[in-house]
Amino acid sequence: MFNTIKTLTAAAALLVVVGAAHADTFTYVCTDQKGSYPLKVDDKKNTLAWKGSVYKIKQQMNCAKYGWHAEKDGAAFDFCTATKGGGGIEQNDGTTIQCNLRASTH
């Protein structure tokens, strides 16, 4: 009985940690041919802000670590993160824009 309670407590703690990891705001700097621009993902509001536009997002399951599919007014792209703070925008034409994590706020 004690092992069952211990296992359930550990599982509940893990769920809290995993849930908190997905409820943050992440700020990246993405660089294309014209310059560097901040990209902000707000997981609580389900939005992604980039180059002066705010996109609605939903989770993208085909990314290495975490990712989102962003859409606004017919424009869409995927933003995937990788390990060590890297990420990238994958545009519909196959172009990839590299991004680096700059800060995260809770």
N, C-alpha and C. Protein backbone atom coordinates (compact mmCIF):
# COMPACT_ATOMS: atom_id res chain seq x y z
N MET A 1 0.82 -1.19 0.00
CA MET A 1 0.00 0.00 0.00
C MET A 1 0.87 1.27 0.00
N PHE A 2 1.93 1.26 0.80
CA PHE A 2 2.82 2.41 0.86
C PHE A 2 3.45 2.69 -0.51
N ASN A 3 3.86 1.64 -1.23
CA ASN A 3 4.46 1.83 -2.55
C ASN A 3 3.47 2.43 -3.53
N THR A 4 2.19 2.05 -3.44
CA THR A 4 1.16 2.60 -4.32
C THR A 4 0.99 4.09 -4.06
N ILE A 5 0.93 4.49 -2.80
CA ILE A 5 0.78 5.90 -2.45
C ILE A 5 2.02 6.69 -2.91
N LYS A 6 3.18 6.11 -2.71
CA LYS A 6 4.43 6.76 -3.12
C LYS A 6 4.45 6.94 -4.65
N THR A 7 4.02 5.93 -5.39
CA THR A 7 3.98 6.01 -6.85
C THR A 7 2.98 7.05 -7.31
N LEU A 8 1.80 7.08 -6.69
CA LEU A 8 0.78 8.08 -7.07
C LEU A 8 1.25 9.49 -6.76
N THR A 9 1.93 9.68 -5.64
CA THR A 9 2.45 10.99 -5.28
C THR A 9 3.50 11.45 -6.29
N ALA A 10 4.40 10.54 -6.67
CA ALA A 10 5.43 10.87 -7.66
C ALA A 10 4.79 11.20 -9.01
N ALA A 11 3.77 10.46 -9.41
CA ALA A 11 3.09 10.72 -10.68
C ALA A 11 2.40 12.07 -10.66
N ALA A 12 1.76 12.41 -9.54
CA ALA A 12 1.09 13.71 -9.42
C ALA A 12 2.11 14.85 -9.49
N ALA A 13 3.25 14.69 -8.83
CA ALA A 13 4.30 15.72 -8.87
C ALA A 13 4.83 15.89 -10.29
N LEU A 14 4.99 14.80 -11.01
CA LEU A 14 5.46 14.87 -12.39
C LEU A 14 4.46 15.62 -13.27
N LEU A 15 3.18 15.37 -13.07
CA LEU A 15 2.16 16.07 -13.86
C LEU A 15 2.19 17.57 -13.60
N VAL A 16 2.42 17.96 -12.37
CA VAL A 16 2.50 19.39 -12.05
C VAL A 16 3.69 20.01 -12.76
N VAL A 17 4.85 19.35 -12.74
CA VAL A 17 6.05 19.87 -13.39
C VAL A 17 5.86 19.94 -14.89
N VAL A 18 5.32 18.89 -15.50
CA VAL A 18 5.10 18.88 -16.94
C VAL A 18 4.08 19.93 -17.32
N GLY A 19 3.01 20.09 -16.57
CA GLY A 19 2.01 21.10 -16.85
C GLY A 19 2.59 22.50 -16.79
N ALA A 20 3.44 22.75 -15.81
CA ALA A 20 4.06 24.07 -15.68
C ALA A 20 4.98 24.37 -16.84
N ALA A 21 5.63 23.36 -17.37
CA ALA A 21 6.55 23.58 -18.49
C ALA A 21 5.83 24.04 -19.74
N HIS A 22 4.56 23.72 -19.86
CA HIS A 22 3.80 24.08 -21.04
C HIS A 22 3.01 25.38 -20.86
N ALA A 23 3.08 25.99 -19.69
CA ALA A 23 2.26 27.17 -19.41
C ALA A 23 3.12 28.42 -19.27
N ASP A 24 4.09 28.57 -20.12
CA ASP A 24 5.01 29.70 -20.04
C ASP A 24 4.94 30.57 -21.28
N THR A 25 5.67 31.68 -21.20
CA THR A 25 5.90 32.53 -22.36
C THR A 25 7.36 32.39 -22.73
N PHE A 26 7.62 32.10 -23.99
CA PHE A 26 8.98 31.88 -24.47
C PHE A 26 9.32 32.96 -25.48
N THR A 27 10.49 33.56 -25.35
CA THR A 27 10.93 34.59 -26.29
C THR A 27 12.17 34.10 -27.03
N TYR A 28 12.11 34.13 -28.35
CA TYR A 28 13.20 33.72 -29.22
C TYR A 28 13.62 34.91 -30.07
N VAL A 29 14.79 34.84 -30.66
CA VAL A 29 15.21 35.78 -31.69
C VAL A 29 15.42 34.96 -32.96
N CYS A 30 14.67 35.33 -34.00
CA CYS A 30 14.71 34.59 -35.27
C CYS A 30 15.35 35.48 -36.33
N THR A 31 16.24 34.90 -37.12
CA THR A 31 16.98 35.66 -38.11
C THR A 31 16.68 35.16 -39.51
N ASP A 32 16.21 36.08 -40.36
CA ASP A 32 16.02 35.75 -41.78
C ASP A 32 16.95 36.62 -42.61
N GLN A 33 16.73 36.69 -43.91
CA GLN A 33 17.63 37.44 -44.79
C GLN A 33 17.60 38.94 -44.51
N LYS A 34 16.54 39.44 -43.91
CA LYS A 34 16.39 40.88 -43.70
C LYS A 34 16.82 41.34 -42.31
N GLY A 35 17.03 40.42 -41.38
CA GLY A 35 17.44 40.83 -40.05
C GLY A 35 16.96 39.88 -38.97
N SER A 36 17.09 40.32 -37.73
CA SER A 36 16.67 39.54 -36.57
C SER A 36 15.41 40.14 -35.98
N TYR A 37 14.48 39.26 -35.59
CA TYR A 37 13.20 39.69 -35.06
C TYR A 37 12.83 38.84 -33.85
N PRO A 38 12.23 39.45 -32.81
CA PRO A 38 11.79 38.64 -31.68
C PRO A 38 10.55 37.81 -32.06
N LEU A 39 10.47 36.63 -31.51
CA LEU A 39 9.31 35.76 -31.66
C LEU A 39 8.90 35.35 -30.25
N LYS A 40 7.63 35.56 -29.92
CA LYS A 40 7.14 35.30 -28.58
C LYS A 40 5.99 34.30 -28.64
N VAL A 41 6.15 33.19 -27.92
CA VAL A 41 5.09 32.19 -27.82
C VAL A 41 4.47 32.31 -26.44
N ASP A 42 3.16 32.52 -26.39
CA ASP A 42 2.43 32.55 -25.13
C ASP A 42 1.54 31.32 -25.10
N ASP A 43 1.99 30.31 -24.35
CA ASP A 43 1.30 29.04 -24.29
C ASP A 43 -0.04 29.14 -23.55
N LYS A 44 -0.18 30.13 -22.66
CA LYS A 44 -1.44 30.30 -21.93
C LYS A 44 -2.51 30.91 -22.83
N LYS A 45 -2.12 31.88 -23.65
CA LYS A 45 -3.08 32.56 -24.54
C LYS A 45 -3.19 31.89 -25.90
N ASN A 46 -2.32 30.89 -26.16
CA ASN A 46 -2.27 30.21 -27.46
C ASN A 46 -2.03 31.19 -28.60
N THR A 47 -0.99 32.04 -28.39
CA THR A 47 -0.63 33.01 -29.43
C THR A 47 0.88 32.97 -29.67
N LEU A 48 1.25 33.40 -30.86
CA LEU A 48 2.64 33.56 -31.26
C LEU A 48 2.73 34.92 -31.94
N ALA A 49 3.63 35.78 -31.44
CA ALA A 49 3.82 37.10 -32.03
C ALA A 49 5.16 37.12 -32.76
N TRP A 50 5.12 37.56 -34.02
CA TRP A 50 6.35 37.64 -34.81
C TRP A 50 6.17 38.68 -35.91
N LYS A 51 7.17 39.54 -36.07
CA LYS A 51 7.18 40.59 -37.10
C LYS A 51 5.91 41.43 -37.09
N GLY A 52 5.45 41.81 -35.89
CA GLY A 52 4.30 42.69 -35.76
C GLY A 52 2.94 42.04 -35.91
N SER A 53 2.88 40.74 -36.09
CA SER A 53 1.60 40.03 -36.21
C SER A 53 1.45 39.03 -35.07
N VAL A 54 0.21 38.82 -34.67
CA VAL A 54 -0.09 37.84 -33.63
C VAL A 54 -0.90 36.72 -34.28
N TYR A 55 -0.38 35.51 -34.16
CA TYR A 55 -0.99 34.32 -34.75
C TYR A 55 -1.62 33.46 -33.68
N LYS A 56 -2.72 32.81 -33.99
CA LYS A 56 -3.29 31.79 -33.11
C LYS A 56 -2.48 30.52 -33.31
N ILE A 57 -2.23 29.79 -32.22
CA ILE A 57 -1.42 28.59 -32.34
C ILE A 57 -2.13 27.37 -31.74
N LYS A 58 -1.72 26.22 -32.25
CA LYS A 58 -2.09 24.95 -31.64
C LYS A 58 -0.85 24.07 -31.68
N GLN A 59 -0.80 23.09 -30.79
CA GLN A 59 0.39 22.26 -30.73
C GLN A 59 0.63 21.52 -32.03
N GLN A 60 1.90 21.46 -32.40
CA GLN A 60 2.35 20.73 -33.59
C GLN A 60 3.10 19.50 -33.08
N MET A 61 2.54 18.33 -33.30
CA MET A 61 3.11 17.10 -32.75
C MET A 61 4.28 16.56 -33.57
N ASN A 62 4.54 17.09 -34.76
CA ASN A 62 5.61 16.58 -35.62
C ASN A 62 6.94 17.28 -35.40
N CYS A 63 7.12 17.92 -34.26
CA CYS A 63 8.36 18.61 -33.95
C CYS A 63 9.22 17.74 -33.02
N ALA A 64 10.53 18.00 -33.03
CA ALA A 64 11.47 17.21 -32.23
C ALA A 64 11.19 17.32 -30.73
N LYS A 65 10.95 18.54 -30.24
CA LYS A 65 10.72 18.73 -28.81
C LYS A 65 9.31 19.27 -28.62
N TYR A 66 9.14 20.56 -28.70
CA TYR A 66 7.82 21.20 -28.65
C TYR A 66 7.62 21.94 -29.95
N GLY A 67 6.37 22.18 -30.28
CA GLY A 67 6.11 22.94 -31.49
C GLY A 67 4.68 23.41 -31.58
N TRP A 68 4.50 24.40 -32.43
CA TRP A 68 3.19 25.00 -32.62
C TRP A 68 2.95 25.27 -34.09
N HIS A 69 1.70 25.18 -34.50
CA HIS A 69 1.28 25.56 -35.84
C HIS A 69 0.60 26.92 -35.69
N ALA A 70 1.11 27.93 -36.38
CA ALA A 70 0.61 29.30 -36.27
C ALA A 70 -0.21 29.65 -37.50
N GLU A 71 -1.36 30.32 -37.27
CA GLU A 71 -2.23 30.75 -38.38
C GLU A 71 -2.81 32.12 -38.12
N LYS A 72 -2.89 32.91 -39.20
CA LYS A 72 -3.55 34.21 -39.15
C LYS A 72 -3.88 34.64 -40.57
N ASP A 73 -5.14 34.95 -40.83
CA ASP A 73 -5.59 35.49 -42.11
C ASP A 73 -5.06 34.70 -43.31
N GLY A 74 -5.11 33.39 -43.23
CA GLY A 74 -4.67 32.55 -44.35
C GLY A 74 -3.18 32.26 -44.39
N ALA A 75 -2.39 32.99 -43.60
CA ALA A 75 -0.96 32.71 -43.51
C ALA A 75 -0.74 31.68 -42.41
N ALA A 76 0.16 30.72 -42.66
CA ALA A 76 0.42 29.68 -41.67
C ALA A 76 1.87 29.22 -41.75
N PHE A 77 2.40 28.80 -40.61
CA PHE A 77 3.73 28.20 -40.56
C PHE A 77 3.84 27.41 -39.27
N ASP A 78 4.86 26.55 -39.20
CA ASP A 78 5.14 25.79 -38.00
C ASP A 78 6.37 26.37 -37.32
N PHE A 79 6.32 26.41 -36.00
CA PHE A 79 7.48 26.81 -35.21
C PHE A 79 7.82 25.64 -34.30
N CYS A 80 8.99 25.06 -34.51
CA CYS A 80 9.43 23.90 -33.73
C CYS A 80 10.65 24.26 -32.91
N THR A 81 10.71 23.72 -31.70
CA THR A 81 11.90 23.92 -30.87
C THR A 81 12.70 22.63 -30.84
N ALA A 82 13.96 22.79 -30.52
CA ALA A 82 14.86 21.65 -30.41
C ALA A 82 15.55 21.75 -29.05
N THR A 83 16.58 20.99 -28.86
CA THR A 83 17.30 21.04 -27.60
C THR A 83 18.21 22.26 -27.53
N LYS A 84 18.63 22.59 -26.33
CA LYS A 84 19.58 23.67 -26.06
C LYS A 84 19.11 25.04 -26.54
N GLY A 85 17.80 25.30 -26.51
CA GLY A 85 17.28 26.63 -26.81
C GLY A 85 17.17 26.99 -28.27
N GLY A 86 17.39 26.05 -29.14
CA GLY A 86 17.26 26.33 -30.57
C GLY A 86 15.86 26.06 -31.06
N GLY A 87 15.54 26.60 -32.20
CA GLY A 87 14.24 26.38 -32.82
C GLY A 87 14.25 26.91 -34.23
N GLY A 88 13.12 26.79 -34.86
CA GLY A 88 13.04 27.30 -36.21
C GLY A 88 11.63 27.39 -36.74
N ILE A 89 11.44 28.31 -37.66
CA ILE A 89 10.17 28.47 -38.35
C ILE A 89 10.27 27.69 -39.65
N GLU A 90 9.30 26.83 -39.86
CA GLU A 90 9.25 26.05 -41.09
C GLU A 90 8.08 26.58 -41.92
N GLN A 91 8.41 27.34 -42.98
CA GLN A 91 7.38 27.94 -43.80
C GLN A 91 6.86 26.94 -44.83
N ASN A 92 5.68 27.25 -45.38
CA ASN A 92 5.04 26.35 -46.34
C ASN A 92 5.88 26.09 -47.57
N ASP A 93 6.74 27.02 -47.95
CA ASP A 93 7.57 26.83 -49.15
C ASP A 93 8.84 26.03 -48.86
N GLY A 94 8.98 25.54 -47.62
CA GLY A 94 10.15 24.74 -47.26
C GLY A 94 11.28 25.54 -46.66
N THR A 95 11.17 26.86 -46.63
CA THR A 95 12.19 27.71 -46.04
C THR A 95 12.19 27.56 -44.52
N THR A 96 13.39 27.49 -43.93
CA THR A 96 13.52 27.42 -42.48
C THR A 96 14.25 28.66 -41.98
N ILE A 97 13.72 29.27 -40.95
CA ILE A 97 14.33 30.44 -40.32
C ILE A 97 14.79 30.00 -38.94
N GLN A 98 16.07 30.19 -38.64
CA GLN A 98 16.65 29.75 -37.37
C GLN A 98 16.32 30.72 -36.25
N CYS A 99 16.07 30.15 -35.06
CA CYS A 99 15.73 30.94 -33.87
C CYS A 99 16.51 30.45 -32.67
N ASN A 100 16.74 31.35 -31.72
CA ASN A 100 17.43 31.01 -30.47
C ASN A 100 16.64 31.56 -29.30
N LEU A 101 16.49 30.76 -28.27
CA LEU A 101 15.78 31.15 -27.07
C LEU A 101 16.55 32.27 -26.37
N ARG A 102 15.85 33.33 -26.00
CA ARG A 102 16.49 34.45 -25.32
C ARG A 102 16.07 34.56 -23.86
N ALA A 103 14.82 34.30 -23.57
CA ALA A 103 14.35 34.42 -22.19
C ALA A 103 13.04 33.68 -22.06
N SER A 104 12.72 33.30 -20.86
CA SER A 104 11.39 32.76 -20.61
C SER A 104 10.87 33.37 -19.33
N THR A 105 9.59 33.62 -19.31
CA THR A 105 8.96 34.20 -18.13
C THR A 105 7.83 33.28 -17.69
N HIS A 106 7.54 33.32 -16.42
CA HIS A 106 6.49 32.44 -15.89
C HIS A 106 5.26 33.22 -15.53
